[in-house]
Amino acid sequence: MNIQTSVSFQTSNELLQKLMDSAQKKTLNNLKMFENRLVLIEGGGYEKIWLETQPMGGEMYAKRNMEAGINNQLLFYGAPKSGWPNARKHCLN
């Protein structure tokens, strides 16, 4: 999937800009491959995703990466029925 997405944030407040830039870089570390599909994990030490947060998390992250956003949604909305039979093992309930 090659859909162009972007989110930008610029401020003259140097501290706030540094914080935002750092947060965006750290979020990239939370992109992981599950069964050859790119997803956004929770991070903060959790190497899987929480099913309860994925509809919202997938929708919000799709503005930055559509592929990961859609895959996070598919995990919640019945991925086993959509050709991703082992999806649940990547999730924490």
C-alpha atoms as a PDB file:
ATOM      1  CA  MET A   1       0.000   0.000   0.000  1.00  0.00           C
ATOM      2  CA  ASN A   2       1.462   3.343  -0.989  1.00  0.00           C
ATOM      3  CA  ILE A   3      -0.894   6.071   0.163  1.00  0.00           C
ATOM      4  CA  GLN A   4       0.807   9.356   0.977  1.00  0.00           C
ATOM      5  CA  THR A   5      -0.008  10.713   4.419  1.00  0.00           C
ATOM      6  CA  SER A   6       1.487  13.437   6.560  1.00  0.00           C
ATOM      7  CA  VAL A   7       1.124  15.349   9.776  1.00  0.00           C
ATOM      8  CA  SER A   8       3.109  18.477  10.476  1.00  0.00           C
ATOM      9  CA  PHE A   9       3.652  20.578  13.548  1.00  0.00           C
ATOM     10  CA  GLN A  10       5.736  23.721  13.726  1.00  0.00           C
ATOM     11  CA  THR A  11       6.027  26.192  16.543  1.00  0.00           C
ATOM     12  CA  SER A  12       8.393  28.979  17.491  1.00  0.00           C
ATOM     13  CA  ASN A  13       8.553  27.505  21.009  1.00  0.00           C
ATOM     14  CA  GLU A  14      11.846  25.599  20.836  1.00  0.00           C
ATOM     15  CA  LEU A  15      11.109  23.337  23.797  1.00  0.00           C
ATOM     16  CA  LEU A  16       7.698  22.350  22.476  1.00  0.00           C
ATOM     17  CA  GLN A  17       9.113  21.739  18.987  1.00  0.00           C
ATOM     18  CA  LYS A  18      11.875  19.558  20.407  1.00  0.00           C
ATOM     19  CA  LEU A  19       9.316  17.568  22.419  1.00  0.00           C
ATOM     20  CA  MET A  20       7.104  16.999  19.378  1.00  0.00           C
ATOM     21  CA  ASP A  21      10.022  16.011  17.143  1.00  0.00           C
ATOM     22  CA  SER A  22      11.260  13.558  19.771  1.00  0.00           C
ATOM     23  CA  ALA A  23       7.813  12.032  20.253  1.00  0.00           C
ATOM     24  CA  GLN A  24       7.370  11.502  16.513  1.00  0.00           C
ATOM     25  CA  LYS A  25      10.775   9.802  16.231  1.00  0.00           C
ATOM     26  CA  LYS A  26      10.015   7.530  19.183  1.00  0.00           C
ATOM     27  CA  THR A  27       6.683   6.548  17.677  1.00  0.00           C
ATOM     28  CA  LEU A  28       8.495   5.190  14.620  1.00  0.00           C
ATOM     29  CA  ASN A  29      10.105   2.628  16.940  1.00  0.00           C
ATOM     30  CA  ASN A  30       6.595   1.301  17.639  1.00  0.00           C
ATOM     31  CA  LEU A  31       6.037   0.228  14.024  1.00  0.00           C
ATOM     32  CA  LYS A  32       6.470  -3.551  13.913  1.00  0.00           C
ATOM     33  CA  MET A  33       5.754  -6.362  11.497  1.00  0.00           C
ATOM     34  CA  PHE A  34       3.190  -8.959  12.573  1.00  0.00           C
ATOM     35  CA  GLU A  35       2.816 -11.772  10.021  1.00  0.00           C
ATOM     36  CA  ASN A  36       4.202  -9.561   7.254  1.00  0.00           C
ATOM     37  CA  ARG A  37       1.827  -6.708   8.113  1.00  0.00           C
ATOM     38  CA  LEU A  38       2.927  -3.368   9.490  1.00  0.00           C
ATOM     39  CA  VAL A  39       1.193  -2.404  12.734  1.00  0.00           C
ATOM     40  CA  LEU A  40       1.649   0.163  15.475  1.00  0.00           C
ATOM     41  CA  ILE A  41       2.315  -1.501  18.837  1.00  0.00           C
ATOM     42  CA  GLU A  42       1.501   0.196  22.121  1.00  0.00           C
ATOM     43  CA  GLY A  43       5.123   0.876  23.038  1.00  0.00           C
ATOM     44  CA  GLY A  44       6.310   1.731  26.522  1.00  0.00           C
ATOM     45  CA  GLY A  45       7.553  -1.827  26.946  1.00  0.00           C
ATOM     46  CA  TYR A  46       4.506  -3.529  25.416  1.00  0.00           C
ATOM     47  CA  GLU A  47       5.504  -5.428  22.277  1.00  0.00           C
ATOM     48  CA  LYS A  48       1.955  -6.222  21.216  1.00  0.00           C
ATOM     49  CA  ILE A  49      -1.216  -4.236  20.727  1.00  0.00           C
ATOM     50  CA  TRP A  50      -4.258  -3.811  22.937  1.00  0.00           C
ATOM     51  CA  LEU A  51      -7.414  -4.839  21.100  1.00  0.00           C
ATOM     52  CA  GLU A  52      -9.469  -2.356  23.083  1.00  0.00           C
ATOM     53  CA  THR A  53      -7.565   0.665  21.755  1.00  0.00           C
ATOM     54  CA  GLN A  54      -7.060  -0.270  18.126  1.00  0.00           C
ATOM     55  CA  PRO A  55     -10.108   1.286  16.486  1.00  0.00           C
ATOM     56  CA  MET A  56      -9.081   4.688  17.867  1.00  0.00           C
ATOM     57  CA  GLY A  57      -5.316   4.091  17.619  1.00  0.00           C
ATOM     58  CA  GLY A  58      -5.527   2.860  14.050  1.00  0.00           C
ATOM     59  CA  GLU A  59      -7.675   5.784  12.981  1.00  0.00           C
ATOM     60  CA  MET A  60      -5.362   8.351  14.555  1.00  0.00           C
ATOM     61  CA  TYR A  61      -2.141   6.779  13.279  1.00  0.00           C
ATOM     62  CA  ALA A  62      -3.496   6.406   9.731  1.00  0.00           C
ATOM     63  CA  LYS A  63      -2.885  10.131   9.334  1.00  0.00           C
ATOM     64  CA  ARG A  64       0.829   9.298   9.644  1.00  0.00           C
ATOM     65  CA  ASN A  65       0.917   5.816   8.095  1.00  0.00           C
ATOM     66  CA  MET A  66      -2.167   4.479   6.341  1.00  0.00           C
ATOM     67  CA  GLU A  67      -0.888   0.899   6.091  1.00  0.00           C
ATOM     68  CA  ALA A  68      -0.243   0.567   9.825  1.00  0.00           C
ATOM     69  CA  GLY A  69      -3.513   2.328  10.636  1.00  0.00           C
ATOM     70  CA  ILE A  70      -5.567  -0.040   8.504  1.00  0.00           C
ATOM     71  CA  ASN A  71      -3.799  -3.121   9.856  1.00  0.00           C
ATOM     72  CA  ASN A  72      -4.446  -2.010  13.426  1.00  0.00           C
ATOM     73  CA  GLN A  73      -8.120  -1.639  12.539  1.00  0.00           C
ATOM     74  CA  LEU A  74      -8.218  -5.084  10.916  1.00  0.00           C
ATOM     75  CA  LEU A  75      -6.917  -6.685  14.090  1.00  0.00           C
ATOM     76  CA  PHE A  76      -9.884  -5.350  15.997  1.00  0.00           C
ATOM     77  CA  TYR A  77     -12.566  -5.860  13.362  1.00  0.00           C
ATOM     78  CA  GLY A  78     -12.291  -9.610  12.917  1.00  0.00           C
ATOM     79  CA  ALA A  79      -8.962 -10.147  11.247  1.00  0.00           C
ATOM     80  CA  PRO A  80      -9.318 -13.941  11.425  1.00  0.00           C
ATOM     81  CA  LYS A  81     -12.282 -13.614   9.089  1.00  0.00           C
ATOM     82  CA  SER A  82     -10.328 -11.385   6.716  1.00  0.00           C
ATOM     83  CA  GLY A  83      -7.420 -13.732   6.011  1.00  0.00           C
ATOM     84  CA  TRP A  84      -5.261 -12.991   9.041  1.00  0.00           C
ATOM     85  CA  PRO A  85      -5.999 -16.138  11.076  1.00  0.00           C
ATOM     86  CA  ASN A  86      -3.293 -15.726  13.734  1.00  0.00           C
ATOM     87  CA  ALA A  87      -3.975 -12.061  14.449  1.00  0.00           C
ATOM     88  CA  ARG A  88      -5.154 -12.598  18.018  1.00  0.00           C
ATOM     89  CA  LYS A  89      -1.792 -13.971  19.166  1.00  0.00           C
ATOM     90  CA  HIS A  90      -0.293 -10.520  18.571  1.00  0.00           C
ATOM     91  CA  CYS A  91      -2.768  -8.869  20.903  1.00  0.00           C
ATOM     92  CA  LEU A  92      -3.060  -8.449  24.638  1.00  0.00           C
ATOM     93  CA  ASN A  93      -6.626  -8.665  25.917  1.00  0.00           C
END
